[in-house]
Amino acid sequence: MELRFDDRRQLDVENAALIALIECCERPDTWSSLANECLVEGSAVRVLRHRMDPLHNPLREHEYVPTNEQGSLFEVEDMPSVEYTTKANAAWNQANQKVTQWREQSLDLVTVFDDRFPSRLRSVVDVPPFLFAKGSLLSNDLGVSVVGSRKCSPEGATFAHDTACMLCERGLTVIAGLAEGVDSFAHRATLEAGGRTVAFIGTGINRCYPASNRELHKSIEKRGLVLSQFWPDSPPTKQTFPMRNALMSGYGLATVVVEASEHSGTRIQARQAQRHGRPLIFRDVVLERTEWAQEYRNKPGVFVVRSVEEVGKALDRISFLDNDVDTLLGNILDAKAQYA
């Protein structure tokens, strides 16, 4: 879905409304459900106004309801509380100030309304409403995640390094989470090879975690891209890293699992990759050493490899399948156009 706004000011207005909706988020809504609602409607401003006063601000699906039937769309229990309306108005005013302040602080806010927003992320069900970025954004970035243990073995480190180099040779972006271990080896190998790497972090964009990767973090900002789905000064928590892993899955074409323990956070990315319809490439030792990974054996879109060469062959197969689907869809659309 492509959304266009005429100027920066109009985009700022939409961004502020989106931030206000997030600030007022209450169950059963989630940040992602609000983002999807805004994408479907094509405007956060309309969604926010509708939530504050649905009777006088119908969404597009209600636009063509006859006037005499309009009132029947809303039951008393569907009407917002005075508390919500007051809270939303205050949040909207504060959000306008925040959007201005972030720009003054040279913080790059990229929401789902921005045409720079990563296209693959916009298409997943758990799309983040916004990202903060440092570095070079590419909307259609062709990349593969390389993930694994923070305390990886020498063999795992070598496999991550060599896989990253192979991806660079193919012109693919290397995606990882800037953690110690496998992630760091993949990022560093990519920079050494002159390739592009994207780091998803589990903190706000103003923070650097772990501190041991501070210089690597800065290098990726200058030569690649660092992305955060959290407020700028958010600290690391047990929840933020699994959330970060989910975005890595949605951003890339596939995920390579180099090494993992039984309770590794990599499990979350594997689960999300399946949910997003993204292929998974497991190094064979991961299935040999963990019960959770064995559950993926023989599932569609799952490959088990013993070498970096086999990772490349799996990517060739994935590319072939994707091209077949694209061709099929193209033929269907052509046929539809001929008989329309």
Protein backbone atom coordinates (compact mmCIF):
# COMPACT_ATOMS: atom_id res chain seq x y z
CA MET A 1 0.00 0.00 0.00
CA GLU A 2 1.49 3.30 -1.10
CA LEU A 3 0.60 6.44 0.81
CA ARG A 4 1.51 9.89 -0.49
CA PHE A 5 1.33 13.24 1.24
CA ASP A 6 1.85 16.53 -0.55
CA ASP A 7 4.39 18.06 1.78
CA ARG A 8 6.38 17.63 4.97
CA ARG A 9 3.83 19.56 7.01
CA GLN A 10 1.01 17.22 6.01
CA LEU A 11 3.15 14.21 6.89
CA ASP A 12 4.00 15.77 10.26
CA VAL A 13 0.29 16.18 11.01
CA GLU A 14 -0.35 12.52 10.23
CA ASN A 15 2.69 11.44 12.26
CA ALA A 16 1.53 13.43 15.28
CA ALA A 17 -1.94 11.88 15.10
CA LEU A 18 -0.37 8.42 14.90
CA ILE A 19 1.83 9.12 17.93
CA ALA A 20 -1.24 10.35 19.84
CA LEU A 21 -3.13 7.15 19.02
CA ILE A 22 -0.21 5.10 20.34
CA GLU A 23 0.01 7.16 23.52
CA CYS A 24 -3.69 6.50 24.13
CA CYS A 25 -3.53 2.83 23.22
CA GLU A 26 -5.72 0.64 25.42
CA ARG A 27 -6.55 -3.05 25.25
CA PRO A 28 -7.61 -4.80 23.10
CA ASP A 29 -5.73 -2.45 20.73
CA THR A 30 -1.99 -2.83 20.16
CA TRP A 31 0.50 -0.54 18.49
CA SER A 32 0.42 -2.80 15.44
CA SER A 33 -3.37 -2.99 15.26
CA LEU A 34 -3.52 0.82 15.37
CA ALA A 35 -0.91 1.05 12.62
CA ASN A 36 -2.90 -1.37 10.45
CA GLU A 37 -6.13 0.53 11.06
CA CYS A 38 -4.43 3.77 9.98
CA LEU A 39 -2.97 2.10 6.89
CA VAL A 40 -6.39 0.77 5.85
CA GLU A 41 -8.00 4.15 6.46
CA GLY A 42 -5.09 5.99 4.83
CA SER A 43 -4.96 8.57 7.60
CA ALA A 44 -4.15 8.61 11.32
CA VAL A 45 -5.93 11.96 11.62
CA ARG A 46 -9.24 10.44 10.49
CA VAL A 47 -8.81 7.44 12.80
CA LEU A 48 -8.02 9.65 15.80
CA ARG A 49 -10.92 11.99 15.13
CA HIS A 50 -13.22 9.00 14.67
CA ARG A 51 -12.17 7.55 18.01
CA MET A 52 -12.77 10.88 19.71
CA ASP A 53 -16.15 11.49 18.04
CA PRO A 54 -17.32 8.61 15.81
CA LEU A 55 -20.75 10.10 15.18
CA HIS A 56 -19.38 13.17 13.43
CA ASN A 57 -16.18 11.64 12.06
CA PRO A 58 -17.06 8.39 10.26
CA LEU A 59 -14.33 6.28 8.72
CA ARG A 60 -14.32 5.70 4.97
CA GLU A 61 -16.32 2.47 5.28
CA HIS A 62 -19.15 4.57 6.73
CA GLU A 63 -18.95 7.49 4.29
CA TYR A 64 -21.73 6.33 1.99
CA VAL A 65 -24.28 5.35 4.62
CA PRO A 66 -27.48 7.40 4.15
CA THR A 67 -27.82 10.22 6.68
CA ASN A 68 -30.96 8.80 8.25
CA GLU A 69 -29.11 5.53 8.98
CA GLN A 70 -25.87 7.09 10.21
CA GLY A 71 -26.89 7.28 13.85
CA SER A 72 -27.72 3.59 14.03
CA LEU A 73 -24.10 2.67 13.40
CA PHE A 74 -23.08 3.68 16.91
CA GLU A 75 -24.45 2.21 20.10
CA VAL A 76 -24.09 4.07 23.38
CA GLU A 77 -21.37 1.69 24.57
CA ASP A 78 -19.35 2.39 21.40
CA MET A 79 -19.10 6.10 22.11
CA PRO A 80 -15.79 7.25 23.63
CA SER A 81 -15.63 8.32 27.24
CA VAL A 82 -15.03 11.93 28.18
CA GLU A 83 -11.78 10.75 29.77
CA TYR A 84 -10.56 9.25 26.48
CA THR A 85 -11.43 12.35 24.47
CA THR A 86 -9.65 14.60 26.96
CA LYS A 87 -6.63 12.29 27.03
CA ALA A 88 -6.52 12.08 23.22
CA ASN A 89 -6.68 15.86 22.79
CA ALA A 90 -3.79 16.33 25.23
CA ALA A 91 -1.79 13.54 23.58
CA TRP A 92 -2.31 15.09 20.15
CA ASN A 93 -1.02 18.46 21.33
CA GLN A 94 2.00 16.82 22.96
CA ALA A 95 2.64 14.67 19.87
CA ASN A 96 2.82 17.74 17.65
CA GLN A 97 5.48 19.14 19.98
CA LYS A 98 7.39 15.85 20.03
CA VAL A 99 7.51 15.58 16.24
CA THR A 100 8.98 19.09 16.07
CA GLN A 101 11.45 18.41 18.91
CA TRP A 102 12.67 15.16 17.34
CA ARG A 103 13.43 16.97 14.10
CA GLU A 104 15.28 19.70 15.98
CA GLN A 105 17.31 16.95 17.68
CA SER A 106 18.11 15.45 14.24
CA LEU A 107 16.16 12.30 15.06
CA ASP A 108 14.76 10.68 11.94
CA LEU A 109 11.18 9.52 12.61
CA VAL A 110 9.88 7.22 9.89
CA THR A 111 6.24 6.19 10.24
CA VAL A 112 4.08 3.87 8.15
CA PHE A 113 2.92 6.98 6.27
CA ASP A 114 6.44 7.78 5.07
CA ASP A 115 7.38 6.41 1.64
CA ARG A 116 10.84 5.62 3.10
CA PHE A 117 9.30 3.09 5.49
CA PRO A 118 10.60 -0.44 4.74
CA SER A 119 8.11 -1.97 2.33
CA ARG A 120 8.32 -5.53 3.65
CA LEU A 121 7.72 -4.40 7.21
CA ARG A 122 4.64 -2.46 6.14
CA SER A 123 3.14 -5.70 4.80
CA VAL A 124 3.40 -7.80 8.00
CA VAL A 125 0.54 -8.11 10.46
CA ASP A 126 2.64 -6.84 13.39
CA VAL A 127 3.89 -3.77 11.52
CA PRO A 128 5.43 -1.19 13.87
CA PRO A 129 3.73 2.20 13.63
CA PHE A 130 7.08 3.97 13.47
CA LEU A 131 10.84 3.52 13.38
CA PHE A 132 13.70 5.80 14.33
CA ALA A 133 16.59 5.57 11.91
CA LYS A 134 20.25 6.46 11.79
CA GLY A 135 21.97 5.81 8.51
CA SER A 136 20.85 5.12 4.96
CA LEU A 137 17.23 4.02 4.53
CA LEU A 138 16.19 1.92 1.53
CA SER A 139 12.48 1.23 1.15
CA ASN A 140 12.98 -1.99 -0.81
CA ASP A 141 16.09 -3.31 0.93
CA LEU A 142 16.93 -6.88 -0.14
CA GLY A 143 18.46 -8.48 2.92
CA VAL A 144 18.85 -11.68 4.92
CA SER A 145 19.02 -11.95 8.73
CA VAL A 146 21.98 -13.75 10.29
CA VAL A 147 21.17 -14.59 13.90
CA GLY A 148 22.35 -16.81 16.73
CA SER A 149 23.83 -17.09 20.20
CA ARG A 150 25.52 -14.27 22.05
CA LYS A 151 28.05 -16.78 23.40
CA CYS A 152 28.73 -18.58 20.16
CA SER A 153 31.38 -21.19 19.46
CA PRO A 154 34.41 -20.51 17.23
CA GLU A 155 32.69 -22.59 14.53
CA GLY A 156 29.56 -20.50 14.87
CA ALA A 157 31.57 -17.28 14.62
CA THR A 158 33.27 -18.51 11.46
CA PHE A 159 29.96 -19.61 9.93
CA ALA A 160 28.40 -16.20 10.67
CA HIS A 161 31.43 -14.41 9.20
CA ASP A 162 31.50 -16.51 6.05
CA THR A 163 27.73 -16.34 5.55
CA ALA A 164 27.85 -12.55 5.78
CA CYS A 165 30.65 -12.40 3.21
CA MET A 166 28.68 -14.69 0.86
CA LEU A 167 25.62 -12.44 1.19
CA CYS A 168 27.75 -9.39 0.39
CA GLU A 169 29.04 -11.09 -2.75
CA ARG A 170 25.44 -11.57 -3.84
CA GLY A 171 24.67 -7.89 -3.23
CA LEU A 172 22.36 -8.66 -0.30
CA THR A 173 22.08 -6.65 2.90
CA VAL A 174 23.11 -8.44 6.11
CA ILE A 175 20.57 -7.94 8.90
CA ALA A 176 21.37 -8.62 12.56
CA GLY A 177 20.62 -7.36 16.05
CA LEU A 178 23.90 -5.74 17.17
CA ALA A 179 24.18 -8.22 20.03
CA GLU A 180 27.42 -9.87 21.04
CA GLY A 181 28.28 -13.17 19.41
CA VAL A 182 26.82 -14.19 16.04
CA ASP A 183 25.27 -10.76 15.35
CA SER A 184 28.54 -8.92 15.90
CA PHE A 185 30.54 -11.32 13.72
CA ALA A 186 27.99 -10.90 10.90
CA HIS A 187 27.98 -7.08 11.15
CA ARG A 188 31.77 -6.81 11.27
CA ALA A 189 32.33 -9.22 8.39
CA THR A 190 29.91 -7.20 6.27
CA LEU A 191 31.64 -3.89 6.98
CA GLU A 192 35.04 -5.45 6.29
CA ALA A 193 33.75 -6.76 2.97
CA GLY A 194 32.37 -3.33 2.02
CA GLY A 195 28.77 -4.56 2.13
CA ARG A 196 25.59 -3.09 3.59
CA THR A 197 24.39 -4.09 7.04
CA VAL A 198 21.25 -3.15 8.99
CA ALA A 199 21.10 -3.38 12.78
CA PHE A 200 17.82 -3.66 14.68
CA ILE A 201 18.36 -2.63 18.27
CA GLY A 202 16.40 -3.46 21.42
CA THR A 203 16.64 0.07 22.86
CA GLY A 204 15.80 3.59 21.84
CA ILE A 205 17.84 5.10 19.02
CA ASN A 206 19.70 7.38 21.47
CA ARG A 207 21.13 4.43 23.38
CA CYS A 208 23.93 1.98 22.66
CA TYR A 209 23.64 -1.58 23.97
CA PRO A 210 25.74 -3.50 24.72
CA ALA A 211 28.41 -0.92 25.55
CA SER A 212 31.07 -3.26 24.16
CA ASN A 213 29.60 -2.70 20.67
CA ARG A 214 29.65 1.10 20.83
CA GLU A 215 32.21 1.51 18.04
CA LEU A 216 30.49 -1.11 15.88
CA HIS A 217 27.20 0.71 16.46
CA LYS A 218 28.72 3.99 15.26
CA SER A 219 30.27 2.33 12.21
CA ILE A 220 26.91 0.87 11.15
CA GLU A 221 25.26 4.28 11.53
CA LYS A 222 27.84 5.77 9.17
CA ARG A 223 28.03 2.93 6.63
CA GLY A 224 24.72 1.12 6.95
CA LEU A 225 21.56 1.58 8.97
CA VAL A 226 20.47 1.33 12.62
CA LEU A 227 16.73 1.00 13.31
CA SER A 228 14.70 1.17 16.52
CA GLN A 229 10.96 0.69 17.03
CA PHE A 230 11.03 2.25 20.50
CA TRP A 231 10.89 5.78 21.92
CA PRO A 232 14.31 7.47 21.53
CA ASP A 233 15.53 7.04 25.12
CA SER A 234 13.96 3.66 25.89
CA PRO A 235 16.22 1.33 27.93
CA PRO A 236 16.76 -2.35 27.15
CA THR A 237 14.24 -4.74 28.72
CA LYS A 238 13.36 -8.43 28.48
CA GLN A 239 10.48 -7.50 26.18
CA THR A 240 12.30 -5.20 23.77
CA PHE A 241 14.69 -7.80 22.36
CA PRO A 242 11.99 -10.31 21.32
CA MET A 243 10.12 -7.40 19.71
CA ARG A 244 13.31 -6.43 17.88
CA ASN A 245 13.68 -10.01 16.59
CA ALA A 246 10.17 -9.95 15.15
CA LEU A 247 11.02 -6.89 13.07
CA MET A 248 14.23 -8.43 11.78
CA SER A 249 12.15 -11.29 10.44
CA GLY A 250 9.67 -9.00 8.74
CA TYR A 251 12.35 -6.75 7.23
CA GLY A 252 14.34 -9.48 5.49
CA LEU A 253 13.79 -12.03 2.74
CA ALA A 254 14.89 -14.95 4.95
CA THR A 255 16.60 -15.78 8.25
CA VAL A 256 19.77 -17.84 8.72
CA VAL A 257 19.99 -19.40 12.19
CA VAL A 258 23.69 -20.04 12.82
CA GLU A 259 23.71 -21.27 16.40
CA ALA A 260 21.22 -21.33 19.26
CA SER A 261 20.59 -22.81 22.69
CA GLU A 262 17.42 -24.43 23.98
CA HIS A 263 16.24 -21.14 25.50
CA SER A 264 17.70 -18.79 22.91
CA GLY A 265 15.84 -15.65 21.86
CA THR A 266 16.45 -16.86 18.30
CA ARG A 267 13.39 -19.07 18.81
CA ILE A 268 11.25 -15.94 18.64
CA GLN A 269 12.65 -14.89 15.30
CA ALA A 270 12.14 -18.40 13.92
CA ARG A 271 8.52 -18.37 15.07
CA GLN A 272 7.93 -14.91 13.63
CA ALA A 273 9.58 -15.85 10.33
CA GLN A 274 7.05 -18.66 9.92
CA ARG A 275 4.26 -16.27 10.85
CA HIS A 276 5.48 -13.74 8.28
CA GLY A 277 5.86 -16.40 5.59
CA ARG A 278 9.63 -15.88 5.48
CA PRO A 279 11.95 -18.83 4.78
CA LEU A 280 14.16 -20.21 7.56
CA ILE A 281 17.65 -21.59 6.98
CA PHE A 282 18.94 -23.63 9.93
CA ARG A 283 22.53 -24.71 10.34
CA ASP A 284 22.31 -28.45 11.00
CA VAL A 285 23.81 -28.25 14.52
CA VAL A 286 20.88 -26.11 15.66
CA LEU A 287 18.44 -28.94 14.97
CA GLU A 288 20.81 -31.49 16.46
CA ARG A 289 21.20 -29.60 19.75
CA THR A 290 17.76 -28.10 20.43
CA GLU A 291 14.30 -29.58 20.70
CA TRP A 292 12.49 -26.41 19.63
CA ALA A 293 14.32 -26.28 16.28
CA GLN A 294 13.48 -29.90 15.51
CA GLU A 295 9.82 -28.90 15.34
CA TYR A 296 10.61 -26.95 12.17
CA ARG A 297 12.04 -29.91 10.28
CA ASN A 298 10.07 -30.69 7.12
CA LYS A 299 7.94 -27.57 7.45
CA PRO A 300 7.37 -25.52 4.26
CA GLY A 301 9.99 -22.86 3.69
CA VAL A 302 12.52 -24.45 6.07
CA PHE A 303 16.00 -25.44 4.91
CA VAL A 304 18.68 -27.32 6.87
CA VAL A 305 22.28 -26.70 5.76
CA ARG A 306 25.74 -27.91 6.70
CA SER A 307 27.85 -25.27 4.98
CA VAL A 308 27.82 -21.70 3.72
CA GLU A 309 27.68 -23.08 0.19
CA GLU A 310 24.42 -24.80 1.07
CA VAL A 311 23.09 -21.52 2.48
CA GLY A 312 23.72 -20.05 -0.97
CA LYS A 313 21.90 -22.94 -2.65
CA ALA A 314 18.95 -22.46 -0.29
CA LEU A 315 18.83 -18.77 -1.22
CA ASP A 316 18.88 -19.73 -4.90
CA ARG A 317 15.91 -21.99 -4.29
CA ILE A 318 14.08 -19.27 -2.37
CA SER A 319 14.76 -16.76 -5.16
CA PHE A 320 13.50 -19.27 -7.76
CA LEU A 321 10.27 -19.85 -5.83
CA ASP A 322 9.71 -16.12 -5.33
CA ASN A 323 10.21 -15.47 -9.04
CA ASP A 324 7.75 -18.25 -9.88
CA VAL A 325 5.12 -16.67 -7.63
CA ASP A 326 5.75 -13.24 -9.15
CA THR A 327 5.41 -14.69 -12.66
CA LEU A 328 2.21 -16.51 -11.75
CA LEU A 329 0.67 -13.38 -10.22
CA GLY A 330 1.71 -11.38 -13.27
CA ASN A 331 0.03 -13.88 -15.60
CA ILE A 332 -3.15 -13.82 -13.53
CA LEU A 333 -3.25 -10.02 -13.59
CA ASP A 334 -2.61 -9.98 -17.37
CA ALA A 335 -5.40 -12.47 -17.95
CA LYS A 336 -7.75 -10.47 -15.76
CA ALA A 337 -6.95 -7.31 -17.74
CA GLN A 338 -7.63 -9.07 -21.07
CA TYR A 339 -11.07 -10.29 -20.03
CA ALA A 340 -12.11 -7.23 -18.04
